Amino acid sequence: MGLSETDARVYVYLALKGPTEAGSIVDNLKMSRQQIYCSLKHLQDKRIVFVDSKNQGVFSALLFEKALELLIETEKEKTEILQETKKSILQDLKTSTKKKNANC
């Protein structure tokens, strides 16, 4: 679903543990602080992890079902964009080929 192994580990930890400070994630997952903060940023960008509005050092995860729905929807959107890009590329290729054939 577009998550690295590290992102998946951090997400699952938060989903099971509940609201947690980043330092606790570092200690429990035995990863560097840099890895954890990078992963938390990725997960926030995907909107499946968020920071507590009252306590900026505490992170929470969406429930598994909601996160999965969101990740699936994101992948569907990416697929639609790829389909549109494919159509455009094929059309450009056809136009380019016609122009080259006309110049022969």
PDB file of N, CA and C in Angstrom:
ATOM      1  N   MET A   1       0.812  -1.213   0.000  1.00  0.00           N
ATOM      2  CA  MET A   1       0.000   0.000   0.000  1.00  0.00           C
ATOM      3  C   MET A   1       0.846   1.264   0.000  1.00  0.00           C
ATOM      4  N   GLY A   2       2.063   1.137  -0.424  1.00  0.00           N
ATOM      5  CA  GLY A   2       2.900   2.322  -0.524  1.00  0.00           C
ATOM      6  C   GLY A   2       3.637   2.684   0.755  1.00  0.00           C
ATOM      7  N   LEU A   3       3.706   1.758   1.694  1.00  0.00           N
ATOM      8  CA  LEU A   3       4.446   2.013   2.935  1.00  0.00           C
ATOM      9  C   LEU A   3       5.754   1.233   2.915  1.00  0.00           C
ATOM     10  N   SER A   4       6.814   1.885   3.355  1.00  0.00           N
ATOM     11  CA  SER A   4       8.077   1.164   3.524  1.00  0.00           C
ATOM     12  C   SER A   4       7.935   0.246   4.736  1.00  0.00           C
ATOM     13  N   GLU A   5       8.893  -0.649   4.903  1.00  0.00           N
ATOM     14  CA  GLU A   5       8.853  -1.544   6.059  1.00  0.00           C
ATOM     15  C   GLU A   5       8.893  -0.738   7.362  1.00  0.00           C
ATOM     16  N   THR A   6       9.724   0.286   7.396  1.00  0.00           N
ATOM     17  CA  THR A   6       9.823   1.127   8.591  1.00  0.00           C
ATOM     18  C   THR A   6       8.507   1.837   8.855  1.00  0.00           C
ATOM     19  N   ASP A   7       7.919   2.422   7.808  1.00  0.00           N
ATOM     20  CA  ASP A   7       6.640   3.120   7.973  1.00  0.00           C
ATOM     21  C   ASP A   7       5.570   2.159   8.496  1.00  0.00           C
ATOM     22  N   ALA A   8       5.544   0.952   7.946  1.00  0.00           N
ATOM     23  CA  ALA A   8       4.558  -0.043   8.379  1.00  0.00           C
ATOM     24  C   ALA A   8       4.762  -0.413   9.846  1.00  0.00           C
ATOM     25  N   ARG A   9       6.009  -0.595  10.245  1.00  0.00           N
ATOM     26  CA  ARG A   9       6.292  -0.941  11.647  1.00  0.00           C
ATOM     27  C   ARG A   9       5.851   0.174  12.595  1.00  0.00           C
ATOM     28  N   VAL A  10       6.152   1.415  12.217  1.00  0.00           N
ATOM     29  CA  VAL A  10       5.771   2.561  13.059  1.00  0.00           C
ATOM     30  C   VAL A  10       4.248   2.675  13.113  1.00  0.00           C
ATOM     31  N   TYR A  11       3.599   2.542  11.959  1.00  0.00           N
ATOM     32  CA  TYR A  11       2.139   2.643  11.936  1.00  0.00           C
ATOM     33  C   TYR A  11       1.498   1.566  12.821  1.00  0.00           C
ATOM     34  N   VAL A  12       1.907   0.312  12.638  1.00  0.00           N
ATOM     35  CA  VAL A  12       1.317  -0.789  13.406  1.00  0.00           C
ATOM     36  C   VAL A  12       1.563  -0.584  14.900  1.00  0.00           C
ATOM     37  N   TYR A  13       2.753  -0.149  15.249  1.00  0.00           N
ATOM     38  CA  TYR A  13       3.049   0.110  16.667  1.00  0.00           C
ATOM     39  C   TYR A  13       2.076   1.141  17.230  1.00  0.00           C
ATOM     40  N   LEU A  14       1.909   2.263  16.513  1.00  0.00           N
ATOM     41  CA  LEU A  14       1.002   3.311  16.988  1.00  0.00           C
ATOM     42  C   LEU A  14      -0.446   2.842  17.022  1.00  0.00           C
ATOM     43  N   ALA A  15      -0.846   2.088  16.019  1.00  0.00           N
ATOM     44  CA  ALA A  15      -2.229   1.613  15.958  1.00  0.00           C
ATOM     45  C   ALA A  15      -2.547   0.679  17.126  1.00  0.00           C
ATOM     46  N   LEU A  16      -1.566  -0.126  17.508  1.00  0.00           N
ATOM     47  CA  LEU A  16      -1.775  -1.060  18.622  1.00  0.00           C
ATOM     48  C   LEU A  16      -1.592  -0.389  19.978  1.00  0.00           C
ATOM     49  N   LYS A  17      -0.617   0.482  20.076  1.00  0.00           N
ATOM     50  CA  LYS A  17      -0.250   1.103  21.351  1.00  0.00           C
ATOM     51  C   LYS A  17      -1.153   2.278  21.718  1.00  0.00           C
ATOM     52  N   GLY A  18      -1.605   3.021  20.716  1.00  0.00           N
ATOM     53  CA  GLY A  18      -2.374   4.235  20.986  1.00  0.00           C
ATOM     54  C   GLY A  18      -1.447   5.436  21.018  1.00  0.00           C
ATOM     55  N   PRO A  19      -1.961   6.596  21.413  1.00  0.00           N
ATOM     56  CA  PRO A  19      -1.154   7.820  21.420  1.00  0.00           C
ATOM     57  C   PRO A  19       0.176   7.622  22.157  1.00  0.00           C
ATOM     58  N   THR A  20       1.262   7.965  21.460  1.00  0.00           N
ATOM     59  CA  THR A  20       2.602   7.682  21.975  1.00  0.00           C
ATOM     60  C   THR A  20       3.559   8.796  21.600  1.00  0.00           C
ATOM     61  N   GLU A  21       4.487   9.091  22.498  1.00  0.00           N
ATOM     62  CA  GLU A  21       5.538  10.063  22.201  1.00  0.00           C
ATOM     63  C   GLU A  21       6.575   9.428  21.279  1.00  0.00           C
ATOM     64  N   ALA A  22       7.196  10.241  20.450  1.00  0.00           N
ATOM     65  CA  ALA A  22       8.185   9.750  19.490  1.00  0.00           C
ATOM     66  C   ALA A  22       9.333   9.019  20.191  1.00  0.00           C
ATOM     67  N   GLY A  23       9.773   9.528  21.314  1.00  0.00           N
ATOM     68  CA  GLY A  23      10.870   8.898  22.054  1.00  0.00           C
ATOM     69  C   GLY A  23      10.544   7.476  22.470  1.00  0.00           C
ATOM     70  N   SER A  24       9.311   7.237  22.826  1.00  0.00           N
ATOM     71  CA  SER A  24       8.885   5.900  23.207  1.00  0.00           C
ATOM     72  C   SER A  24       8.887   4.970  21.996  1.00  0.00           C
ATOM     73  N   ILE A  25       8.530   5.502  20.824  1.00  0.00           N
ATOM     74  CA  ILE A  25       8.565   4.699  19.598  1.00  0.00           C
ATOM     75  C   ILE A  25      10.015   4.310  19.295  1.00  0.00           C
ATOM     76  N   VAL A  26      10.925   5.266  19.433  1.00  0.00           N
ATOM     77  CA  VAL A  26      12.345   5.013  19.207  1.00  0.00           C
ATOM     78  C   VAL A  26      12.827   3.879  20.115  1.00  0.00           C
ATOM     79  N   ASP A  27      12.512   3.992  21.394  1.00  0.00           N
ATOM     80  CA  ASP A  27      12.968   2.995  22.368  1.00  0.00           C
ATOM     81  C   ASP A  27      12.387   1.614  22.099  1.00  0.00           C
ATOM     82  N   ASN A  28      11.111   1.555  21.812  1.00  0.00           N
ATOM     83  CA  ASN A  28      10.441   0.257  21.654  1.00  0.00           C
ATOM     84  C   ASN A  28      10.719  -0.421  20.321  1.00  0.00           C
ATOM     85  N   LEU A  29      10.894   0.349  19.266  1.00  0.00           N
ATOM     86  CA  LEU A  29      11.160  -0.252  17.956  1.00  0.00           C
ATOM     87  C   LEU A  29      12.650  -0.376  17.667  1.00  0.00           C
ATOM     88  N   LYS A  30      13.489   0.135  18.574  1.00  0.00           N
ATOM     89  CA  LYS A  30      14.948   0.026  18.430  1.00  0.00           C
ATOM     90  C   LYS A  30      15.428   0.594  17.091  1.00  0.00           C
ATOM     91  N   MET A  31      14.921   1.773  16.759  1.00  0.00           N
ATOM     92  CA  MET A  31      15.329   2.473  15.539  1.00  0.00           C
ATOM     93  C   MET A  31      15.883   3.832  15.935  1.00  0.00           C
ATOM     94  N   SER A  32      16.600   4.443  15.003  1.00  0.00           N
ATOM     95  CA  SER A  32      17.156   5.756  15.299  1.00  0.00           C
ATOM     96  C   SER A  32      16.049   6.800  15.324  1.00  0.00           C
ATOM     97  N   ARG A  33      16.311   7.853  16.051  1.00  0.00           N
ATOM     98  CA  ARG A  33      15.358   8.964  16.143  1.00  0.00           C
ATOM     99  C   ARG A  33      15.083   9.527  14.742  1.00  0.00           C
ATOM    100  N   GLN A  34      16.114   9.624  13.923  1.00  0.00           N
ATOM    101  CA  GLN A  34      15.961  10.145  12.567  1.00  0.00           C
ATOM    102  C   GLN A  34      15.018   9.258  11.745  1.00  0.00           C
ATOM    103  N   GLN A  35      15.193   7.936  11.840  1.00  0.00           N
ATOM    104  CA  GLN A  35      14.309   7.005  11.118  1.00  0.00           C
ATOM    105  C   GLN A  35      12.856   7.179  11.553  1.00  0.00           C
ATOM    106  N   ILE A  36      12.653   7.294  12.851  1.00  0.00           N
ATOM    107  CA  ILE A  36      11.294   7.407  13.386  1.00  0.00           C
ATOM    108  C   ILE A  36      10.647   8.710  12.922  1.00  0.00           C
ATOM    109  N   TYR A  37      11.378   9.817  13.040  1.00  0.00           N
ATOM    110  CA  TYR A  37      10.784  11.101  12.639  1.00  0.00           C
ATOM    111  C   TYR A  37      10.525  11.155  11.133  1.00  0.00           C
ATOM    112  N   CYS A  38      11.398  10.557  10.361  1.00  0.00           N
ATOM    113  CA  CYS A  38      11.190  10.499   8.912  1.00  0.00           C
ATOM    114  C   CYS A  38       9.941   9.670   8.603  1.00  0.00           C
ATOM    115  N   SER A  39       9.826   8.539   9.268  1.00  0.00           N
ATOM    116  CA  SER A  39       8.667   7.680   9.074  1.00  0.00           C
ATOM    117  C   SER A  39       7.379   8.364   9.527  1.00  0.00           C
ATOM    118  N   LEU A  40       7.424   9.031  10.663  1.00  0.00           N
ATOM    119  CA  LEU A  40       6.244   9.752  11.147  1.00  0.00           C
ATOM    120  C   LEU A  40       5.802  10.822  10.144  1.00  0.00           C
ATOM    121  N   LYS A  41       6.781  11.483   9.528  1.00  0.00           N
ATOM    122  CA  LYS A  41       6.465  12.491   8.511  1.00  0.00           C
ATOM    123  C   LYS A  41       5.780  11.845   7.315  1.00  0.00           C
ATOM    124  N   HIS A  42       6.321  10.721   6.829  1.00  0.00           N
ATOM    125  CA  HIS A  42       5.705  10.003   5.701  1.00  0.00           C
ATOM    126  C   HIS A  42       4.269   9.609   6.036  1.00  0.00           C
ATOM    127  N   LEU A  43       4.086   9.069   7.235  1.00  0.00           N
ATOM    128  CA  LEU A  43       2.760   8.601   7.649  1.00  0.00           C
ATOM    129  C   LEU A  43       1.785   9.762   7.822  1.00  0.00           C
ATOM    130  N   GLN A  44       2.279  10.893   8.285  1.00  0.00           N
ATOM    131  CA  GLN A  44       1.426  12.078   8.373  1.00  0.00           C
ATOM    132  C   GLN A  44       1.046  12.568   6.981  1.00  0.00           C
ATOM    133  N   ASP A  45       1.999  12.519   6.051  1.00  0.00           N
ATOM    134  CA  ASP A  45       1.716  12.922   4.668  1.00  0.00           C
ATOM    135  C   ASP A  45       0.635  12.034   4.054  1.00  0.00           C
ATOM    136  N   LYS A  46       0.608  10.767   4.462  1.00  0.00           N
ATOM    137  CA  LYS A  46      -0.403   9.829   3.960  1.00  0.00           C
ATOM    138  C   LYS A  46      -1.710   9.942   4.743  1.00  0.00           C
ATOM    139  N   ARG A  47      -1.701  10.771   5.778  1.00  0.00           N
ATOM    140  CA  ARG A  47      -2.871  11.059   6.616  1.00  0.00           C
ATOM    141  C   ARG A  47      -3.355   9.861   7.425  1.00  0.00           C
ATOM    142  N   ILE A  48      -2.434   8.947   7.760  1.00  0.00           N
ATOM    143  CA  ILE A  48      -2.826   7.817   8.595  1.00  0.00           C
ATOM    144  C   ILE A  48      -2.233   7.908  10.000  1.00  0.00           C
ATOM    145  N   VAL A  49      -1.350   8.881  10.201  1.00  0.00           N
ATOM    146  CA  VAL A  49      -0.812   9.194  11.522  1.00  0.00           C
ATOM    147  C   VAL A  49      -0.919  10.697  11.693  1.00  0.00           C
ATOM    148  N   PHE A  50      -1.230  11.109  12.901  1.00  0.00           N
ATOM    149  CA  PHE A  50      -1.354  12.535  13.162  1.00  0.00           C
ATOM    150  C   PHE A  50      -0.790  12.857  14.531  1.00  0.00           C
ATOM    151  N   VAL A  51      -0.441  14.125  14.681  1.00  0.00           N
ATOM    152  CA  VAL A  51       0.123  14.598  15.939  1.00  0.00           C
ATOM    153  C   VAL A  51      -1.021  15.189  16.769  1.00  0.00           C
ATOM    154  N   ASP A  52      -0.967  14.974  18.059  1.00  0.00           N
ATOM    155  CA  ASP A  52      -1.987  15.488  18.976  1.00  0.00           C
ATOM    156  C   ASP A  52      -1.958  17.013  18.954  1.00  0.00           C
ATOM    157  N   SER A  53      -3.114  17.625  18.772  1.00  0.00           N
ATOM    158  CA  SER A  53      -3.184  19.089  18.681  1.00  0.00           C
ATOM    159  C   SER A  53      -2.839  19.769  20.008  1.00  0.00           C
ATOM    160  N   LYS A  54      -3.046  19.081  21.118  1.00  0.00           N
ATOM    161  CA  LYS A  54      -2.753  19.654  22.431  1.00  0.00           C
ATOM    162  C   LYS A  54      -1.335  19.359  22.897  1.00  0.00           C
ATOM    163  N   ASN A  55      -0.808  18.230  22.464  1.00  0.00           N
ATOM    164  CA  ASN A  55       0.536  17.827  22.864  1.00  0.00           C
ATOM    165  C   ASN A  55       1.310  17.452  21.609  1.00  0.00           C
ATOM    166  N   GLN A  56       2.086  18.383  21.095  1.00  0.00           N
ATOM    167  CA  GLN A  56       2.771  18.220  19.806  1.00  0.00           C
ATOM    168  C   GLN A  56       3.749  17.057  19.754  1.00  0.00           C
ATOM    169  N   GLY A  57       4.116  16.471  20.859  1.00  0.00           N
ATOM    170  CA  GLY A  57       5.062  15.363  20.854  1.00  0.00           C
ATOM    171  C   GLY A  57       4.405  13.998  20.847  1.00  0.00           C
ATOM    172  N   VAL A  58       3.062  13.968  20.823  1.00  0.00           N
ATOM    173  CA  VAL A  58       2.343  12.705  20.892  1.00  0.00           C
ATOM    174  C   VAL A  58       1.708  12.396  19.533  1.00  0.00           C
ATOM    175  N   PHE A  59       1.942  11.183  19.053  1.00  0.00           N
ATOM    176  CA  PHE A  59       1.440  10.761  17.744  1.00  0.00           C
ATOM    177  C   PHE A  59       0.399   9.663  17.917  1.00  0.00           C
ATOM    178  N   SER A  60      -0.578   9.665  17.010  1.00  0.00           N
ATOM    179  CA  SER A  60      -1.638   8.652  17.007  1.00  0.00           C
ATOM    180  C   SER A  60      -1.834   8.155  15.588  1.00  0.00           C
ATOM    181  N   ALA A  61      -2.416   6.977  15.474  1.00  0.00           N
ATOM    182  CA  ALA A  61      -2.683   6.388  14.163  1.00  0.00           C
ATOM    183  C   ALA A  61      -4.187   6.205  13.977  1.00  0.00           C
ATOM    184  N   LEU A  62      -4.613   6.285  12.720  1.00  0.00           N
ATOM    185  CA  LEU A  62      -5.991   5.935  12.397  1.00  0.00           C
ATOM    186  C   LEU A  62      -6.196   4.462  12.680  1.00  0.00           C
ATOM    187  N   LEU A  63      -7.430   4.069  12.913  1.00  0.00           N
ATOM    188  CA  LEU A  63      -7.750   2.660  13.065  1.00  0.00           C
ATOM    189  C   LEU A  63      -7.372   1.922  11.779  1.00  0.00           C
ATOM    190  N   PHE A  64      -7.040   0.645  11.899  1.00  0.00           N
ATOM    191  CA  PHE A  64      -6.600  -0.145  10.750  1.00  0.00           C
ATOM    192  C   PHE A  64      -7.566  -0.019   9.574  1.00  0.00           C
ATOM    193  N   GLU A  65      -8.855  -0.186   9.836  1.00  0.00           N
ATOM    194  CA  GLU A  65      -9.847  -0.158   8.758  1.00  0.00           C
ATOM    195  C   GLU A  65      -9.857   1.184   8.036  1.00  0.00           C
ATOM    196  N   LYS A  66      -9.824   2.276   8.794  1.00  0.00           N
ATOM    197  CA  LYS A  66      -9.830   3.618   8.188  1.00  0.00           C
ATOM    198  C   LYS A  66      -8.550   3.862   7.406  1.00  0.00           C
ATOM    199  N   ALA A  67      -7.425   3.453   7.967  1.00  0.00           N
ATOM    200  CA  ALA A  67      -6.141   3.642   7.290  1.00  0.00           C
ATOM    201  C   ALA A  67      -6.104   2.855   5.988  1.00  0.00           C
ATOM    202  N   LEU A  68      -6.585   1.633   6.027  1.00  0.00           N
ATOM    203  CA  LEU A  68      -6.594   0.803   4.832  1.00  0.00           C
ATOM    204  C   LEU A  68      -7.498   1.411   3.753  1.00  0.00           C
ATOM    205  N   GLU A  69      -8.657   1.893   4.152  1.00  0.00           N
ATOM    206  CA  GLU A  69      -9.563   2.551   3.201  1.00  0.00           C
ATOM    207  C   GLU A  69      -8.883   3.760   2.559  1.00  0.00           C
ATOM    208  N   LEU A  70      -8.216   4.554   3.375  1.00  0.00           N
ATOM    209  CA  LEU A  70      -7.538   5.747   2.876  1.00  0.00           C
ATOM    210  C   LEU A  70      -6.401   5.379   1.922  1.00  0.00           C
ATOM    211  N   LEU A  71      -5.605   4.381   2.280  1.00  0.00           N
ATOM    212  CA  LEU A  71      -4.503   3.951   1.418  1.00  0.00           C
ATOM    213  C   LEU A  71      -5.018   3.370   0.103  1.00  0.00           C
ATOM    214  N   ILE A  72      -6.101   2.624   0.163  1.00  0.00           N
ATOM    215  CA  ILE A  72      -6.692   2.065  -1.060  1.00  0.00           C
ATOM    216  C   ILE A  72      -7.203   3.188  -1.953  1.00  0.00           C
ATOM    217  N   GLU A  73      -7.866   4.164  -1.370  1.00  0.00           N
ATOM    218  CA  GLU A  73      -8.377   5.300  -2.148  1.00  0.00           C
ATOM    219  C   GLU A  73      -7.229   6.060  -2.810  1.00  0.00           C
ATOM    220  N   THR A  74      -6.145   6.242  -2.098  1.00  0.00           N
ATOM    221  CA  THR A  74      -4.974   6.924  -2.656  1.00  0.00           C
ATOM    222  C   THR A  74      -4.405   6.145  -3.833  1.00  0.00           C
ATOM    223  N   GLU A  75      -4.314   4.826  -3.696  1.00  0.00           N
ATOM    224  CA  GLU A  75      -3.801   3.999  -4.785  1.00  0.00           C
ATOM    225  C   GLU A  75      -4.734   4.033  -5.996  1.00  0.00           C
ATOM    226  N   LYS A  76      -6.037   4.079  -5.759  1.00  0.00           N
ATOM    227  CA  LYS A  76      -7.003   4.186  -6.862  1.00  0.00           C
ATOM    228  C   LYS A  76      -6.801   5.496  -7.618  1.00  0.00           C
ATOM    229  N   GLU A  77      -6.602   6.575  -6.869  1.00  0.00           N
ATOM    230  CA  GLU A  77      -6.371   7.878  -7.504  1.00  0.00           C
ATOM    231  C   GLU A  77      -5.096   7.866  -8.341  1.00  0.00           C
ATOM    232  N   LYS A  78      -4.039   7.245  -7.819  1.00  0.00           N
ATOM    233  CA  LYS A  78      -2.786   7.142  -8.572  1.00  0.00           C
ATOM    234  C   LYS A  78      -2.998   6.344  -9.854  1.00  0.00           C
ATOM    235  N   THR A  79      -3.777   5.278  -9.767  1.00  0.00           N
ATOM    236  CA  THR A  79      -4.053   4.448 -10.935  1.00  0.00           C
ATOM    237  C   THR A  79      -4.820   5.238 -11.991  1.00  0.00           C
ATOM    238  N   GLU A  80      -5.792   6.018 -11.561  1.00  0.00           N
ATOM    239  CA  GLU A  80      -6.548   6.847 -12.503  1.00  0.00           C
ATOM    240  C   GLU A  80      -5.636   7.845 -13.211  1.00  0.00           C
ATOM    241  N   ILE A  81      -4.729   8.443 -12.473  1.00  0.00           N
ATOM    242  CA  ILE A  81      -3.785   9.391 -13.063  1.00  0.00           C
ATOM    243  C   ILE A  81      -2.887   8.677 -14.069  1.00  0.00           C
ATOM    244  N   LEU A  82      -2.430   7.475 -13.728  1.00  0.00           N
ATOM    245  CA  LEU A  82      -1.601   6.697 -14.661  1.00  0.00           C
ATOM    246  C   LEU A  82      -2.378   6.348 -15.930  1.00  0.00           C
ATOM    247  N   GLN A  83      -3.636   6.012 -15.776  1.00  0.00           N
ATOM    248  CA  GLN A  83      -4.465   5.693 -16.944  1.00  0.00           C
ATOM    249  C   GLN A  83      -4.588   6.908 -17.866  1.00  0.00           C
ATOM    250  N   GLU A  84      -4.797   8.078 -17.288  1.00  0.00           N
ATOM    251  CA  GLU A  84      -4.900   9.305 -18.079  1.00  0.00           C
ATOM    252  C   GLU A  84      -3.565   9.636 -18.747  1.00  0.00           C
ATOM    253  N   THR A  85      -2.485   9.441 -18.024  1.00  0.00           N
ATOM    254  CA  THR A  85      -1.160   9.685 -18.580  1.00  0.00           C
ATOM    255  C   THR A  85      -0.894   8.729 -19.736  1.00  0.00           C
ATOM    256  N   LYS A  86      -1.291   7.482 -19.565  1.00  0.00           N
ATOM    257  CA  LYS A  86      -1.123   6.480 -20.625  1.00  0.00           C
ATOM    258  C   LYS A  86      -1.851   6.931 -21.890  1.00  0.00           C
ATOM    259  N   LYS A  87      -3.090   7.375 -21.747  1.00  0.00           N
ATOM    260  CA  LYS A  87      -3.873   7.841 -22.897  1.00  0.00           C
ATOM    261  C   LYS A  87      -3.172   8.997 -23.600  1.00  0.00           C
ATOM    262  N   SER A  88      -2.661   9.919 -22.819  1.00  0.00           N
ATOM    263  CA  SER A  88      -1.981  11.087 -23.377  1.00  0.00           C
ATOM    264  C   SER A  88      -0.703  10.688 -24.116  1.00  0.00           C
ATOM    265  N   ILE A  89       0.062   9.804 -23.515  1.00  0.00           N
ATOM    266  CA  ILE A  89       1.312   9.348 -24.142  1.00  0.00           C
ATOM    267  C   ILE A  89       1.024   8.624 -25.451  1.00  0.00           C
ATOM    268  N   LEU A  90       0.030   7.745 -25.438  1.00  0.00           N
ATOM    269  CA  LEU A  90      -0.319   7.016 -26.658  1.00  0.00           C
ATOM    270  C   LEU A  90      -0.808   7.957 -27.754  1.00  0.00           C
ATOM    271  N   GLN A  91      -1.576   8.957 -27.373  1.00  0.00           N
ATOM    272  CA  GLN A  91      -2.058   9.933 -28.349  1.00  0.00           C
ATOM    273  C   GLN A  91      -0.894  10.735 -28.935  1.00  0.00           C
ATOM    274  N   ASP A  92       0.028  11.159 -28.076  1.00  0.00           N
ATOM    275  CA  ASP A  92       1.210  11.890 -28.546  1.00  0.00           C
ATOM    276  C   ASP A  92       2.051  11.026 -29.482  1.00  0.00           C
ATOM    277  N   LEU A  93       2.182   9.744 -29.150  1.00  0.00           N
ATOM    278  CA  LEU A  93       2.947   8.817 -29.978  1.00  0.00           C
ATOM    279  C   LEU A  93       2.305   8.661 -31.357  1.00  0.00           C
ATOM    280  N   LYS A  94       0.998   8.527 -31.385  1.00  0.00           N
ATOM    281  CA  LYS A  94       0.280   8.403 -32.654  1.00  0.00           C
ATOM    282  C   LYS A  94       0.465   9.657 -33.500  1.00  0.00           C
ATOM    283  N   THR A  95       0.350  10.811 -32.880  1.00  0.00           N
ATOM    284  CA  THR A  95       0.504  12.080 -33.593  1.00  0.00           C
ATOM    285  C   THR A  95       1.916  12.219 -34.124  1.00  0.00           C
ATOM    286  N   SER A  96       2.902  11.881 -33.303  1.00  0.00           N
ATOM    287  CA  SER A  96       4.306  11.966 -33.702  1.00  0.00           C
ATOM    288  C   SER A  96       4.601  11.015 -34.861  1.00  0.00           C
ATOM    289  N   THR A  97       4.068   9.810 -34.781  1.00  0.00           N
ATOM    290  CA  THR A  97       4.284   8.812 -35.841  1.00  0.00           C
ATOM    291  C   THR A  97       3.670   9.274 -37.154  1.00  0.00           C
ATOM    292  N   LYS A  98       2.484   9.847 -37.101  1.00  0.00           N
ATOM    293  CA  LYS A  98       1.817  10.339 -38.303  1.00  0.00           C
ATOM    294  C   LYS A  98       2.631  11.445 -38.958  1.00  0.00           C
ATOM    295  N   LYS A  99       3.187  12.346 -38.152  1.00  0.00           N
ATOM    296  CA  LYS A  99       3.994  13.456 -38.678  1.00  0.00           C
ATOM    297  C   LYS A  99       5.265  12.932 -39.341  1.00  0.00           C
ATOM    298  N   LYS A 100       5.916  11.934 -38.702  1.00  0.00           N
ATOM    299  CA  LYS A 100       7.149  11.373 -39.274  1.00  0.00           C
ATOM    300  C   LYS A 100       6.851  10.648 -40.581  1.00  0.00           C
ATOM    301  N   ASN A 101       5.748   9.920 -40.626  1.00  0.00           N
ATOM    302  CA  ASN A 101       5.373   9.187 -41.835  1.00  0.00           C
ATOM    303  C   ASN A 101       5.015  10.147 -42.972  1.00  0.00           C
ATOM    304  N   ALA A 102       4.447  11.276 -42.622  1.00  0.00           N
ATOM    305  CA  ALA A 102       4.079  12.269 -43.653  1.00  0.00           C
ATOM    306  C   ALA A 102       5.319  12.915 -44.254  1.00  0.00           C
ATOM    307  N   ASN A 103       6.410  12.978 -43.485  1.00  0.00           N
ATOM    308  CA  ASN A 103       7.646  13.613 -43.954  1.00  0.00           C
ATOM    309  C   ASN A 103       8.522  12.680 -44.767  1.00  0.00           C
ATOM    310  N   CYS A 104       8.190  11.406 -44.903  1.00  0.00           N
ATOM    311  CA  CYS A 104       9.026  10.437 -45.634  1.00  0.00           C
ATOM    312  C   CYS A 104       8.978  10.649 -47.116  1.00  0.00           C
TER     313      CYS A 104
END
